[in-house]
Amino acid sequence: GLKATILQLEKTMEEMGVTKIKTVGEQFNHEQHEAVEEKTGDVGKILSEVQPGFMLNNKVIVPAKVVVGK
């Protein structure tokens, strides 16, 4: 039920040009990500996602809040 609703919402958002910003395992990019915490790990790599971020037609509308390695 809920998973199907979420998938439908994501599909609709994607059709409108809204995409989710990639986070975990990616290199930190201050234009797309907001670091809310640093933890021991690979320097500059995103360790976990606190809140997803979104782009509309390749422009950031909500930056992703992430934990970054130091």
C-alpha atoms as a PDB file:
ATOM      1  CA  GLY A   1       0.000   0.000   0.000  1.00  0.00           C
ATOM      2  CA  LEU A   2       2.336   2.730   1.244  1.00  0.00           C
ATOM      3  CA  LYS A   3       5.283   1.577  -0.896  1.00  0.00           C
ATOM      4  CA  ALA A   4       3.100   1.698  -4.021  1.00  0.00           C
ATOM      5  CA  THR A   5       1.978   5.220  -3.142  1.00  0.00           C
ATOM      6  CA  ILE A   6       5.569   6.375  -2.634  1.00  0.00           C
ATOM      7  CA  LEU A   7       6.656   4.821  -5.945  1.00  0.00           C
ATOM      8  CA  GLN A   8       3.768   6.521  -7.759  1.00  0.00           C
ATOM      9  CA  LEU A   9       4.673   9.878  -6.180  1.00  0.00           C
ATOM     10  CA  GLU A  10       8.339   9.479  -7.191  1.00  0.00           C
ATOM     11  CA  LYS A  11       7.292   8.546 -10.749  1.00  0.00           C
ATOM     12  CA  THR A  12       4.999  11.583 -10.990  1.00  0.00           C
ATOM     13  CA  MET A  13       7.717  13.884  -9.631  1.00  0.00           C
ATOM     14  CA  GLU A  14      10.215  12.507 -12.156  1.00  0.00           C
ATOM     15  CA  GLU A  15       7.743  13.105 -15.006  1.00  0.00           C
ATOM     16  CA  MET A  16       7.537  16.740 -13.853  1.00  0.00           C
ATOM     17  CA  GLY A  17      11.356  17.061 -13.948  1.00  0.00           C
ATOM     18  CA  VAL A  18      11.997  16.609 -10.216  1.00  0.00           C
ATOM     19  CA  THR A  19      14.813  14.163  -9.413  1.00  0.00           C
ATOM     20  CA  LYS A  20      16.368  13.012  -6.155  1.00  0.00           C
ATOM     21  CA  ILE A  21      19.988  14.032  -5.503  1.00  0.00           C
ATOM     22  CA  LYS A  22      22.408  11.102  -5.171  1.00  0.00           C
ATOM     23  CA  THR A  23      24.109  10.999  -1.787  1.00  0.00           C
ATOM     24  CA  VAL A  24      25.589   7.933  -0.051  1.00  0.00           C
ATOM     25  CA  GLY A  25      28.979   7.011  -1.506  1.00  0.00           C
ATOM     26  CA  GLU A  26      29.181  10.174  -3.597  1.00  0.00           C
ATOM     27  CA  GLN A  27      31.785  12.925  -3.223  1.00  0.00           C
ATOM     28  CA  PHE A  28      30.455  15.882  -1.199  1.00  0.00           C
ATOM     29  CA  ASN A  29      29.358  18.751  -3.448  1.00  0.00           C
ATOM     30  CA  HIS A  30      28.472  21.980  -1.638  1.00  0.00           C
ATOM     31  CA  GLU A  31      26.122  22.960  -4.481  1.00  0.00           C
ATOM     32  CA  GLN A  32      23.915  19.892  -3.965  1.00  0.00           C
ATOM     33  CA  HIS A  33      24.595  18.791  -0.394  1.00  0.00           C
ATOM     34  CA  GLU A  34      24.437  20.382   3.058  1.00  0.00           C
ATOM     35  CA  ALA A  35      26.754  18.769   5.616  1.00  0.00           C
ATOM     36  CA  VAL A  36      25.001  18.487   8.965  1.00  0.00           C
ATOM     37  CA  GLU A  37      27.603  16.258  10.632  1.00  0.00           C
ATOM     38  CA  GLU A  38      31.132  14.900  10.178  1.00  0.00           C
ATOM     39  CA  LYS A  39      32.212  11.399  11.190  1.00  0.00           C
ATOM     40  CA  THR A  40      35.323   9.314  10.802  1.00  0.00           C
ATOM     41  CA  GLY A  41      35.416   7.880   7.297  1.00  0.00           C
ATOM     42  CA  ASP A  42      36.610   8.546   3.764  1.00  0.00           C
ATOM     43  CA  VAL A  43      37.456  12.253   3.572  1.00  0.00           C
ATOM     44  CA  GLY A  44      34.873  14.164   1.548  1.00  0.00           C
ATOM     45  CA  LYS A  45      32.654  11.127   0.915  1.00  0.00           C
ATOM     46  CA  ILE A  46      29.029  11.095   1.987  1.00  0.00           C
ATOM     47  CA  LEU A  47      28.513   8.428   4.651  1.00  0.00           C
ATOM     48  CA  SER A  48      24.757   8.719   5.150  1.00  0.00           C
ATOM     49  CA  GLU A  49      21.733  10.775   4.203  1.00  0.00           C
ATOM     50  CA  VAL A  50      19.775  12.639   6.884  1.00  0.00           C
ATOM     51  CA  GLN A  51      17.207  14.176   4.522  1.00  0.00           C
ATOM     52  CA  PRO A  52      16.854  13.720   0.766  1.00  0.00           C
ATOM     53  CA  GLY A  53      17.432  16.594  -1.623  1.00  0.00           C
ATOM     54  CA  PHE A  54      15.765  17.322  -4.943  1.00  0.00           C
ATOM     55  CA  MET A  55      16.524  19.008  -8.252  1.00  0.00           C
ATOM     56  CA  LEU A  56      14.078  20.492 -10.755  1.00  0.00           C
ATOM     57  CA  ASN A  57      15.348  20.487 -14.336  1.00  0.00           C
ATOM     58  CA  ASN A  58      18.965  20.177 -13.105  1.00  0.00           C
ATOM     59  CA  LYS A  59      18.660  23.043 -10.588  1.00  0.00           C
ATOM     60  CA  VAL A  60      18.761  22.359  -6.847  1.00  0.00           C
ATOM     61  CA  ILE A  61      15.468  23.188  -5.152  1.00  0.00           C
ATOM     62  CA  VAL A  62      16.224  21.420  -1.829  1.00  0.00           C
ATOM     63  CA  PRO A  63      19.813  20.458  -0.917  1.00  0.00           C
ATOM     64  CA  ALA A  64      20.349  16.991   0.547  1.00  0.00           C
ATOM     65  CA  LYS A  65      21.343  16.984   4.230  1.00  0.00           C
ATOM     66  CA  VAL A  66      24.179  14.515   4.709  1.00  0.00           C
ATOM     67  CA  VAL A  67      26.865  13.145   7.029  1.00  0.00           C
ATOM     68  CA  VAL A  68      30.373  13.556   5.562  1.00  0.00           C
ATOM     69  CA  GLY A  69      33.604  11.688   6.304  1.00  0.00           C
ATOM     70  CA  LYS A  70      36.528  13.551   7.848  1.00  0.00           C
END
